[in-house]
Amino acid sequence: MGNKKLIKIIIERSAEGFSAYAPDIKGIYGMGDTPKEAQESILESINLIKELNEDKNIPTALRGEYSLSYKYDLESFLNYYSKIFTNAALERITGINQKQIQHYSTGHRKPRKEQIKKIEFALHKLGQELVALEL
């Protein structure tokens, strides 16, 4: 069994909607009106690359087993998960005012790197608590 490759996909807000791309692999691009559509577009892009090319022309990372890791800009993340994490819920777990979170989600304000890390840390902490939970 070979090593499973991890392919990083960046999803971010663009003027036309949401873009997605693999910074380390040429030709993997996607677009959509939502982050979910951009994710689906990336999967289509990968399938087309594999379908339309001879094996020798398929990027090495797409040969064999691989998985995708998604990295969002904060605005895209907040939009994608807005039905799961309300601004009030994010305020509770991060300590950041929900009006400020709303500004981040609409792109009216850009968060400082420290704010992004604070949100990321709070979400990871919540994730760890949920993984450890038994019902």
N, C-alpha and C. Protein backbone atom coordinates (compact mmCIF):
# COMPACT_ATOMS: atom_id res chain seq x y z
N MET A 1 0.85 -1.19 0.00
CA MET A 1 0.00 0.00 0.00
C MET A 1 0.89 1.25 0.00
N GLY A 2 0.72 2.11 -1.00
CA GLY A 2 1.54 3.31 -1.11
C GLY A 2 1.05 4.41 -0.18
N ASN A 3 1.85 5.47 -0.14
CA ASN A 3 1.45 6.61 0.68
C ASN A 3 0.34 7.39 -0.01
N LYS A 4 -0.67 7.73 0.75
CA LYS A 4 -1.77 8.53 0.23
C LYS A 4 -1.30 9.98 0.18
N LYS A 5 -1.44 10.61 -0.97
CA LYS A 5 -1.00 11.99 -1.14
C LYS A 5 -2.10 12.94 -0.68
N LEU A 6 -1.69 14.05 -0.10
CA LEU A 6 -2.62 15.09 0.34
C LEU A 6 -2.49 16.27 -0.61
N ILE A 7 -3.57 16.63 -1.25
CA ILE A 7 -3.57 17.75 -2.19
C ILE A 7 -4.31 18.91 -1.54
N LYS A 8 -3.61 20.04 -1.39
CA LYS A 8 -4.21 21.22 -0.77
C LYS A 8 -4.99 22.01 -1.82
N ILE A 9 -6.24 22.32 -1.47
CA ILE A 9 -7.11 23.13 -2.33
C ILE A 9 -7.44 24.42 -1.57
N ILE A 10 -7.20 25.56 -2.22
CA ILE A 10 -7.51 26.86 -1.63
C ILE A 10 -8.87 27.31 -2.17
N ILE A 11 -9.76 27.71 -1.28
CA ILE A 11 -11.06 28.26 -1.68
C ILE A 11 -11.14 29.68 -1.13
N GLU A 12 -11.42 30.62 -2.04
CA GLU A 12 -11.48 32.02 -1.61
C GLU A 12 -12.50 32.80 -2.43
N ARG A 13 -12.93 33.89 -1.86
CA ARG A 13 -13.91 34.77 -2.50
C ARG A 13 -13.21 35.47 -3.66
N SER A 14 -13.92 35.59 -4.78
CA SER A 14 -13.41 36.35 -5.92
C SER A 14 -14.52 37.29 -6.39
N ALA A 15 -14.22 38.14 -7.33
CA ALA A 15 -15.23 39.09 -7.83
C ALA A 15 -16.42 38.37 -8.45
N GLU A 16 -16.18 37.20 -9.04
CA GLU A 16 -17.24 36.46 -9.72
C GLU A 16 -17.94 35.43 -8.84
N GLY A 17 -17.53 35.25 -7.62
CA GLY A 17 -18.10 34.23 -6.74
C GLY A 17 -17.02 33.64 -5.86
N PHE A 18 -16.79 32.34 -6.00
CA PHE A 18 -15.76 31.67 -5.22
C PHE A 18 -14.85 30.90 -6.17
N SER A 19 -13.55 31.03 -5.94
CA SER A 19 -12.60 30.29 -6.76
C SER A 19 -11.95 29.22 -5.91
N ALA A 20 -11.49 28.18 -6.57
CA ALA A 20 -10.79 27.09 -5.90
C ALA A 20 -9.64 26.68 -6.80
N TYR A 21 -8.50 26.36 -6.20
CA TYR A 21 -7.35 25.93 -6.99
C TYR A 21 -6.39 25.14 -6.12
N ALA A 22 -5.58 24.34 -6.78
CA ALA A 22 -4.52 23.58 -6.10
C ALA A 22 -3.22 24.31 -6.41
N PRO A 23 -2.63 25.01 -5.43
CA PRO A 23 -1.45 25.81 -5.72
C PRO A 23 -0.24 24.99 -6.18
N ASP A 24 -0.21 23.71 -5.84
CA ASP A 24 0.95 22.89 -6.16
C ASP A 24 0.78 22.03 -7.40
N ILE A 25 -0.40 22.08 -8.03
CA ILE A 25 -0.65 21.24 -9.21
C ILE A 25 -1.25 22.09 -10.32
N LYS A 26 -0.55 22.14 -11.42
CA LYS A 26 -0.99 22.92 -12.58
C LYS A 26 -2.30 22.35 -13.14
N GLY A 27 -3.24 23.24 -13.45
CA GLY A 27 -4.45 22.84 -14.15
C GLY A 27 -5.65 22.51 -13.29
N ILE A 28 -5.50 22.52 -11.98
CA ILE A 28 -6.65 22.22 -11.12
C ILE A 28 -7.25 23.54 -10.64
N TYR A 29 -8.36 23.91 -11.27
CA TYR A 29 -9.05 25.15 -10.95
C TYR A 29 -10.55 24.90 -10.92
N GLY A 30 -11.26 25.70 -10.14
CA GLY A 30 -12.71 25.60 -10.10
C GLY A 30 -13.32 26.93 -9.73
N MET A 31 -14.59 27.10 -10.05
CA MET A 31 -15.33 28.32 -9.71
C MET A 31 -16.74 27.92 -9.31
N GLY A 32 -17.39 28.79 -8.56
CA GLY A 32 -18.79 28.56 -8.23
C GLY A 32 -19.39 29.78 -7.56
N ASP A 33 -20.70 29.79 -7.48
CA ASP A 33 -21.39 30.89 -6.79
C ASP A 33 -21.27 30.74 -5.28
N THR A 34 -20.98 29.52 -4.82
CA THR A 34 -20.82 29.24 -3.40
C THR A 34 -19.53 28.43 -3.21
N PRO A 35 -19.00 28.38 -1.99
CA PRO A 35 -17.83 27.52 -1.75
C PRO A 35 -18.10 26.06 -2.11
N LYS A 36 -19.32 25.59 -1.85
CA LYS A 36 -19.69 24.20 -2.18
C LYS A 36 -19.59 23.97 -3.69
N GLU A 37 -20.10 24.91 -4.48
CA GLU A 37 -20.01 24.79 -5.93
C GLU A 37 -18.56 24.82 -6.40
N ALA A 38 -17.73 25.63 -5.76
CA ALA A 38 -16.30 25.67 -6.11
C ALA A 38 -15.65 24.33 -5.80
N GLN A 39 -16.02 23.71 -4.68
CA GLN A 39 -15.51 22.37 -4.34
C GLN A 39 -15.92 21.35 -5.40
N GLU A 40 -17.18 21.39 -5.79
CA GLU A 40 -17.68 20.46 -6.81
C GLU A 40 -16.96 20.68 -8.14
N SER A 41 -16.69 21.94 -8.46
CA SER A 41 -15.99 22.29 -9.69
C SER A 41 -14.56 21.74 -9.68
N ILE A 42 -13.92 21.78 -8.52
CA ILE A 42 -12.56 21.22 -8.38
C ILE A 42 -12.59 19.72 -8.66
N LEU A 43 -13.57 19.03 -8.11
CA LEU A 43 -13.68 17.58 -8.34
C LEU A 43 -13.88 17.28 -9.82
N GLU A 44 -14.70 18.10 -10.49
CA GLU A 44 -14.90 17.94 -11.94
C GLU A 44 -13.59 18.18 -12.68
N SER A 45 -12.84 19.19 -12.26
CA SER A 45 -11.56 19.52 -12.88
C SER A 45 -10.59 18.34 -12.77
N ILE A 46 -10.51 17.75 -11.59
CA ILE A 46 -9.63 16.60 -11.37
C ILE A 46 -10.07 15.42 -12.24
N ASN A 47 -11.37 15.16 -12.27
CA ASN A 47 -11.88 14.05 -13.09
C ASN A 47 -11.57 14.26 -14.57
N LEU A 48 -11.72 15.49 -15.05
CA LEU A 48 -11.43 15.78 -16.45
C LEU A 48 -9.95 15.59 -16.77
N ILE A 49 -9.08 16.04 -15.87
CA ILE A 49 -7.64 15.87 -16.07
C ILE A 49 -7.31 14.38 -16.20
N LYS A 50 -7.90 13.58 -15.32
CA LYS A 50 -7.62 12.14 -15.33
C LYS A 50 -8.25 11.45 -16.54
N GLU A 51 -9.41 11.92 -16.95
CA GLU A 51 -10.15 11.33 -18.06
C GLU A 51 -9.54 11.64 -19.43
N LEU A 52 -9.12 12.89 -19.60
CA LEU A 52 -8.71 13.37 -20.92
C LEU A 52 -7.22 13.27 -21.21
N ASN A 53 -6.43 12.83 -20.25
CA ASN A 53 -4.99 12.74 -20.45
C ASN A 53 -4.51 11.30 -20.41
N GLU A 54 -3.42 11.07 -21.12
CA GLU A 54 -2.75 9.77 -21.01
C GLU A 54 -2.11 9.72 -19.63
N ASP A 55 -1.90 8.51 -19.11
CA ASP A 55 -1.33 8.35 -17.77
C ASP A 55 -0.07 9.17 -17.56
N LYS A 56 0.81 9.19 -18.56
CA LYS A 56 2.09 9.90 -18.40
C LYS A 56 1.90 11.42 -18.27
N ASN A 57 0.76 11.95 -18.72
CA ASN A 57 0.50 13.39 -18.64
C ASN A 57 -0.33 13.80 -17.43
N ILE A 58 -0.77 12.81 -16.65
CA ILE A 58 -1.53 13.11 -15.44
C ILE A 58 -0.54 13.49 -14.34
N PRO A 59 -0.77 14.61 -13.64
CA PRO A 59 0.15 14.99 -12.56
C PRO A 59 0.36 13.84 -11.57
N THR A 60 1.59 13.68 -11.12
CA THR A 60 1.96 12.60 -10.20
C THR A 60 1.04 12.53 -8.99
N ALA A 61 0.68 13.68 -8.45
CA ALA A 61 -0.17 13.71 -7.24
C ALA A 61 -1.54 13.09 -7.47
N LEU A 62 -1.99 13.04 -8.73
CA LEU A 62 -3.31 12.49 -9.04
C LEU A 62 -3.26 11.01 -9.41
N ARG A 63 -2.08 10.44 -9.39
CA ARG A 63 -1.95 9.01 -9.67
C ARG A 63 -2.01 8.26 -8.34
N GLY A 64 -2.71 7.19 -8.29
CA GLY A 64 -2.82 6.43 -7.05
C GLY A 64 -3.80 7.08 -6.09
N GLU A 65 -3.59 6.80 -4.81
CA GLU A 65 -4.51 7.32 -3.79
C GLU A 65 -4.12 8.74 -3.37
N TYR A 66 -5.12 9.56 -3.19
CA TYR A 66 -4.91 10.92 -2.71
C TYR A 66 -6.16 11.38 -1.98
N SER A 67 -6.00 12.40 -1.17
CA SER A 67 -7.16 13.03 -0.54
C SER A 67 -6.99 14.54 -0.68
N LEU A 68 -8.09 15.25 -0.55
CA LEU A 68 -8.07 16.70 -0.70
C LEU A 68 -8.22 17.36 0.66
N SER A 69 -7.45 18.41 0.86
CA SER A 69 -7.52 19.22 2.07
C SER A 69 -7.93 20.62 1.64
N TYR A 70 -8.99 21.15 2.23
CA TYR A 70 -9.49 22.46 1.82
C TYR A 70 -9.05 23.54 2.79
N LYS A 71 -8.48 24.61 2.24
CA LYS A 71 -8.09 25.77 3.04
C LYS A 71 -8.95 26.94 2.55
N TYR A 72 -9.72 27.50 3.45
CA TYR A 72 -10.63 28.59 3.11
C TYR A 72 -10.05 29.93 3.55
N ASP A 73 -10.35 30.99 2.80
CA ASP A 73 -10.16 32.30 3.38
C ASP A 73 -11.34 32.47 4.34
N LEU A 74 -11.23 33.36 5.31
CA LEU A 74 -12.25 33.46 6.36
C LEU A 74 -13.63 33.78 5.80
N GLU A 75 -13.69 34.69 4.85
CA GLU A 75 -14.99 35.07 4.27
C GLU A 75 -15.69 33.86 3.65
N SER A 76 -14.94 33.05 2.92
CA SER A 76 -15.52 31.85 2.30
C SER A 76 -15.97 30.85 3.35
N PHE A 77 -15.15 30.66 4.37
CA PHE A 77 -15.52 29.73 5.46
C PHE A 77 -16.82 30.17 6.12
N LEU A 78 -16.89 31.45 6.48
CA LEU A 78 -18.08 31.95 7.18
C LEU A 78 -19.33 31.81 6.31
N ASN A 79 -19.19 32.03 5.01
CA ASN A 79 -20.32 31.85 4.09
C ASN A 79 -20.71 30.39 3.97
N TYR A 80 -19.72 29.53 3.83
CA TYR A 80 -19.98 28.10 3.62
C TYR A 80 -20.69 27.47 4.82
N TYR A 81 -20.26 27.85 6.03
CA TYR A 81 -20.81 27.24 7.24
C TYR A 81 -21.84 28.12 7.95
N SER A 82 -22.38 29.11 7.26
CA SER A 82 -23.30 30.05 7.90
C SER A 82 -24.58 29.40 8.42
N LYS A 83 -24.99 28.29 7.85
CA LYS A 83 -26.20 27.60 8.32
C LYS A 83 -25.91 26.76 9.56
N ILE A 84 -24.64 26.47 9.80
CA ILE A 84 -24.25 25.65 10.95
C ILE A 84 -23.78 26.54 12.10
N PHE A 85 -22.92 27.51 11.79
CA PHE A 85 -22.39 28.41 12.81
C PHE A 85 -23.00 29.79 12.62
N THR A 86 -23.93 30.15 13.47
CA THR A 86 -24.47 31.51 13.42
C THR A 86 -23.41 32.46 13.95
N ASN A 87 -23.57 33.74 13.67
CA ASN A 87 -22.63 34.73 14.21
C ASN A 87 -22.64 34.72 15.73
N ALA A 88 -23.82 34.51 16.32
CA ALA A 88 -23.91 34.44 17.79
C ALA A 88 -23.14 33.24 18.33
N ALA A 89 -23.25 32.09 17.65
CA ALA A 89 -22.52 30.90 18.09
C ALA A 89 -21.01 31.12 17.96
N LEU A 90 -20.59 31.74 16.87
CA LEU A 90 -19.16 32.01 16.69
C LEU A 90 -18.66 33.01 17.74
N GLU A 91 -19.51 33.98 18.10
CA GLU A 91 -19.13 34.92 19.16
C GLU A 91 -18.90 34.17 20.47
N ARG A 92 -19.78 33.20 20.76
CA ARG A 92 -19.65 32.44 22.01
C ARG A 92 -18.36 31.65 22.07
N ILE A 93 -17.99 31.00 20.96
CA ILE A 93 -16.80 30.15 21.03
C ILE A 93 -15.49 30.90 20.78
N THR A 94 -15.57 32.08 20.12
CA THR A 94 -14.34 32.82 19.82
C THR A 94 -14.12 34.04 20.70
N GLY A 95 -15.21 34.59 21.24
CA GLY A 95 -15.09 35.83 21.99
C GLY A 95 -15.06 37.06 21.09
N ILE A 96 -15.22 36.87 19.79
CA ILE A 96 -15.23 37.99 18.84
C ILE A 96 -16.68 38.43 18.63
N ASN A 97 -16.92 39.73 18.73
CA ASN A 97 -18.25 40.30 18.59
C ASN A 97 -18.90 39.85 17.28
N GLN A 98 -20.18 39.47 17.36
CA GLN A 98 -20.85 38.94 16.17
C GLN A 98 -21.01 39.97 15.06
N LYS A 99 -21.07 41.25 15.40
CA LYS A 99 -21.11 42.28 14.35
C LYS A 99 -19.80 42.28 13.57
N GLN A 100 -18.71 42.08 14.29
CA GLN A 100 -17.39 42.00 13.64
C GLN A 100 -17.33 40.77 12.73
N ILE A 101 -17.85 39.65 13.21
CA ILE A 101 -17.88 38.42 12.42
C ILE A 101 -18.72 38.64 11.16
N GLN A 102 -19.83 39.36 11.29
CA GLN A 102 -20.67 39.68 10.13
C GLN A 102 -19.88 40.50 9.10
N HIS A 103 -19.10 41.47 9.58
CA HIS A 103 -18.27 42.27 8.66
C HIS A 103 -17.28 41.37 7.92
N TYR A 104 -16.70 40.39 8.63
CA TYR A 104 -15.76 39.46 7.99
C TYR A 104 -16.47 38.62 6.93
N SER A 105 -17.69 38.18 7.23
CA SER A 105 -18.40 37.28 6.30
C SER A 105 -18.85 37.99 5.03
N THR A 106 -19.05 39.30 5.10
CA THR A 106 -19.47 40.05 3.92
C THR A 106 -18.29 40.66 3.17
N GLY A 107 -17.12 40.60 3.77
CA GLY A 107 -15.94 41.18 3.13
C GLY A 107 -15.79 42.67 3.37
N HIS A 108 -16.66 43.25 4.22
CA HIS A 108 -16.56 44.68 4.50
C HIS A 108 -15.31 45.02 5.31
N ARG A 109 -14.88 44.05 6.09
CA ARG A 109 -13.64 44.22 6.87
C ARG A 109 -12.80 42.98 6.71
N LYS A 110 -11.51 43.17 6.68
CA LYS A 110 -10.57 42.05 6.60
C LYS A 110 -10.00 41.81 7.99
N PRO A 111 -10.07 40.59 8.49
CA PRO A 111 -9.55 40.31 9.83
C PRO A 111 -8.02 40.31 9.84
N ARG A 112 -7.47 40.69 10.99
CA ARG A 112 -6.03 40.57 11.19
C ARG A 112 -5.68 39.10 11.32
N LYS A 113 -4.44 38.79 11.09
CA LYS A 113 -3.97 37.40 11.18
C LYS A 113 -4.28 36.81 12.56
N GLU A 114 -4.15 37.62 13.61
CA GLU A 114 -4.41 37.15 14.98
C GLU A 114 -5.88 36.74 15.14
N GLN A 115 -6.78 37.51 14.52
CA GLN A 115 -8.21 37.19 14.60
C GLN A 115 -8.51 35.88 13.88
N ILE A 116 -7.89 35.69 12.73
CA ILE A 116 -8.09 34.44 11.98
C ILE A 116 -7.61 33.26 12.82
N LYS A 117 -6.45 33.40 13.43
CA LYS A 117 -5.90 32.32 14.27
C LYS A 117 -6.80 32.06 15.47
N LYS A 118 -7.37 33.11 16.05
CA LYS A 118 -8.27 32.96 17.19
C LYS A 118 -9.51 32.16 16.80
N ILE A 119 -10.07 32.46 15.63
CA ILE A 119 -11.24 31.73 15.14
C ILE A 119 -10.86 30.28 14.84
N GLU A 120 -9.75 30.09 14.16
CA GLU A 120 -9.30 28.74 13.82
C GLU A 120 -9.06 27.90 15.08
N PHE A 121 -8.41 28.49 16.08
CA PHE A 121 -8.15 27.78 17.34
C PHE A 121 -9.46 27.38 18.02
N ALA A 122 -10.42 28.31 18.07
CA ALA A 122 -11.71 28.03 18.72
C ALA A 122 -12.45 26.90 17.99
N LEU A 123 -12.40 26.90 16.67
CA LEU A 123 -13.07 25.85 15.90
C LEU A 123 -12.39 24.50 16.10
N HIS A 124 -11.06 24.50 16.13
CA HIS A 124 -10.33 23.24 16.37
C HIS A 124 -10.63 22.71 17.77
N LYS A 125 -10.70 23.62 18.74
CA LYS A 125 -11.02 23.20 20.11
C LYS A 125 -12.42 22.59 20.17
N LEU A 126 -13.38 23.23 19.52
CA LEU A 126 -14.74 22.69 19.46
C LEU A 126 -14.73 21.32 18.79
N GLY A 127 -13.99 21.20 17.71
CA GLY A 127 -13.89 19.92 17.00
C GLY A 127 -13.33 18.82 17.89
N GLN A 128 -12.31 19.14 18.67
CA GLN A 128 -11.73 18.15 19.59
C GLN A 128 -12.75 17.72 20.64
N GLU A 129 -13.50 18.69 21.16
CA GLU A 129 -14.53 18.37 22.14
C GLU A 129 -15.60 17.46 21.53
N LEU A 130 -15.99 17.73 20.30
CA LEU A 130 -17.01 16.92 19.64
C LEU A 130 -16.52 15.51 19.35
N VAL A 131 -15.25 15.38 18.96
CA VAL A 131 -14.68 14.05 18.68
C VAL A 131 -14.62 13.22 19.96
N ALA A 132 -14.36 13.86 21.09
CA ALA A 132 -14.25 13.15 22.36
C ALA A 132 -15.61 12.82 22.99
N LEU A 133 -16.67 13.36 22.43
CA LEU A 133 -18.01 13.22 22.98
C LEU A 133 -18.60 11.83 22.72
N GLU A 134 -19.28 11.32 23.73
CA GLU A 134 -20.05 10.08 23.56
C GLU A 134 -21.48 10.34 23.97
N LEU A 135 -22.42 9.78 23.25
CA LEU A 135 -23.84 9.94 23.58
C LEU A 135 -24.44 8.60 23.95
